[in-house]
Structure formats: structure tokens, C-alpha cells
Protein backbone atom coordinates (compact mmCIF):
# COMPACT_ATOMS: atom_id res chain seq x y z
CA MET A 1 -60.05 -27.66 -78.06
CA TYR A 2 -60.24 -26.01 -81.08
CA LYS A 3 -63.35 -26.35 -83.28
CA SER A 4 -62.87 -25.20 -86.74
CA MET A 5 -65.24 -25.15 -89.56
CA GLU A 6 -63.88 -25.58 -93.81
CA HIS A 7 -66.14 -23.68 -96.00
CA GLY A 8 -65.09 -24.70 -99.53
CA SER A 9 -65.95 -26.83 -102.72
CA PHE A 10 -65.38 -29.92 -103.21
CA GLU A 11 -64.35 -29.35 -106.93
CA ASP A 12 -62.04 -27.01 -106.01
CA GLN A 13 -59.68 -27.49 -103.03
CA SER A 14 -57.24 -24.84 -103.69
CA LYS A 15 -59.55 -22.30 -102.13
CA ALA A 16 -61.42 -22.18 -98.71
CA THR A 17 -62.28 -20.56 -95.71
CA PHE A 18 -61.65 -21.93 -92.28
CA SER A 19 -63.99 -20.50 -89.03
CA LEU A 20 -62.15 -20.66 -85.74
CA THR A 21 -63.55 -20.25 -82.66
CA ASP A 22 -62.36 -18.71 -79.50
CA GLU A 23 -59.77 -16.54 -81.76
CA ASP A 24 -59.00 -13.38 -82.34
CA HIS A 25 -56.72 -11.36 -84.25
CA THR A 26 -53.23 -12.92 -81.73
CA LEU A 27 -53.16 -16.20 -83.67
CA ALA A 28 -55.06 -15.04 -86.90
CA ASN A 29 -52.59 -12.48 -88.03
CA ALA A 30 -49.95 -14.72 -86.81
CA VAL A 31 -51.22 -17.53 -89.07
CA ARG A 32 -51.79 -14.84 -91.95
CA PHE A 33 -48.18 -14.40 -91.61
CA THR A 34 -46.79 -17.86 -92.18
CA LEU A 35 -49.47 -18.29 -94.70
CA ASN A 36 -47.78 -15.30 -96.66
CA GLN A 37 -44.63 -16.68 -96.52
CA ASP A 38 -45.55 -20.07 -98.69
CA PRO A 39 -45.17 -19.34 -102.16
CA ARG A 40 -48.20 -21.64 -102.63
CA VAL A 41 -50.37 -19.08 -101.11
CA THR A 42 -51.68 -16.93 -103.96
CA PHE A 43 -54.28 -14.74 -101.27
CA CYS A 44 -54.91 -14.89 -97.51
CA GLY A 45 -56.29 -12.90 -95.32
CA TYR A 46 -58.81 -13.03 -91.97
CA SER A 47 -61.97 -11.70 -90.92
CA ILE A 48 -63.67 -11.28 -87.38
CA PRO A 49 -67.03 -11.35 -88.35
CA HIS A 50 -68.26 -9.18 -85.39
CA PRO A 51 -66.33 -8.12 -82.28
CA SER A 52 -68.64 -9.83 -79.84
CA ASP A 53 -68.26 -12.90 -81.74
CA ALA A 54 -65.10 -15.35 -80.69
CA ARG A 55 -64.22 -16.03 -84.12
CA VAL A 56 -62.09 -15.65 -86.55
CA ASN A 57 -62.59 -16.60 -90.61
CA ILE A 58 -59.37 -17.35 -92.45
CA ARG A 59 -59.86 -17.43 -96.00
CA VAL A 60 -56.62 -19.43 -97.97
CA GLN A 61 -56.15 -19.54 -101.95
CA THR A 62 -53.32 -21.07 -103.32
CA THR A 63 -51.69 -22.34 -106.24
CA GLY A 64 -53.41 -25.50 -106.49
CA ASP A 65 -52.30 -27.66 -103.40
CA PRO A 66 -55.01 -28.11 -101.42
CA ALA A 67 -55.76 -25.16 -98.93
CA ARG A 68 -56.46 -27.12 -95.57
CA GLU A 69 -53.02 -28.85 -96.60
CA VAL A 70 -51.07 -25.30 -96.95
CA LEU A 71 -53.34 -23.93 -93.77
CA ASN A 72 -51.77 -27.28 -91.37
CA ASP A 73 -48.36 -27.02 -92.72
CA SER A 74 -48.39 -22.80 -91.98
CA CYS A 75 -49.62 -23.78 -88.47
CA GLN A 76 -46.67 -26.09 -88.02
CA ASP A 77 -44.19 -23.31 -89.11
CA LEU A 78 -45.67 -21.31 -87.02
CA MET A 79 -45.14 -23.72 -83.80
CA LEU A 80 -41.80 -23.61 -84.76
CA ILE A 81 -41.43 -20.28 -85.35
CA CYS A 82 -43.15 -20.16 -81.51
CA GLU A 83 -40.81 -23.01 -80.01
CA ASN A 84 -37.41 -21.20 -81.57
CA VAL A 85 -38.63 -17.81 -80.20
CA ARG A 86 -38.92 -19.31 -76.48
CA ASP A 87 -35.73 -21.44 -76.43
CA THR A 88 -33.92 -17.75 -77.54
CA PHE A 89 -35.79 -16.24 -74.45
CA ASP A 90 -34.69 -18.99 -72.15
CA LYS A 91 -31.14 -19.04 -73.52
CA ALA A 92 -30.93 -15.28 -73.18
CA ILE A 93 -32.71 -15.67 -69.42
CA LEU A 94 -29.83 -18.32 -68.36
CA LYS A 95 -27.30 -16.12 -69.98
CA PHE A 96 -28.66 -13.15 -68.01
CA LYS A 97 -28.30 -15.29 -64.48
CA THR A 98 -24.99 -16.69 -65.13
CA GLU A 99 -23.43 -13.14 -66.03
CA ALA A 100 -25.11 -11.38 -63.33
CA GLY A 101 -24.32 -14.03 -60.89
CA LEU A 102 -27.65 -15.01 -59.87
CA SER A 103 -28.54 -18.10 -59.28
CA SER A 104 -32.75 -17.28 -59.39
CA MET A 105 -34.43 -13.92 -60.19
CA ASP A 106 -36.67 -13.73 -57.04
CA ILE A 107 -37.37 -10.52 -56.75
CA LYS A 108 -38.17 -9.13 -53.06
CA LYS A 109 -40.43 -6.13 -52.29
């Protein structure tokens, strides 16, 4: 379960900083990548306040759309990318097993 907090303005919802707990560079860099692909984003970046603090701050500024909506869309895009990578990997494994004539990849020592 993710715990997050949004820091932003009620007047201008196109700019906000989101704090995600129990996360690190792995998720933050992937989210930053998908945010940068969105034409609605004018700026995005992330920081980790302190190495011993398991928290990531993600800053999002948009052309006018609510930052929360744009971040949500980018997370959905990231999930689709991950599903595609997994599907491609699974197909490659199946192809390898079929071509090698293997029914399983049990490795015995």
C-alpha cells in the first residue's frame, strides 16, 4: 500500500510535488521518464531528501491540466510499458523453449 502526500496550491493545480514513501530511484526515474513523454508536462523531476529516508519527492508542472491527473496518467502508461515488457519476455522464453525442444528450464546441479 502506497502512502503519498501532495504538496501544491489549491488555486493552481497545474503544479504540485508528490511525496511517495517506501520508494527509491527505481520507481521515481521510471515515472520521470513517462512524465517527460507527456506533452502536457512542462517540468518534472524527482529528489530523494536523504539517503536514509525511504521517500521520493516528484515535482510535476503542466501546461494547465491538473498535475495529479497527469501523474496518474503517467503511472498508467508505466504499467502498460511494464506489461508489454513482461509479455515480450514471456513470449521469448516460450519461443526459446519451443526451439530448443525443452518443456521446462529445470537446471540440475
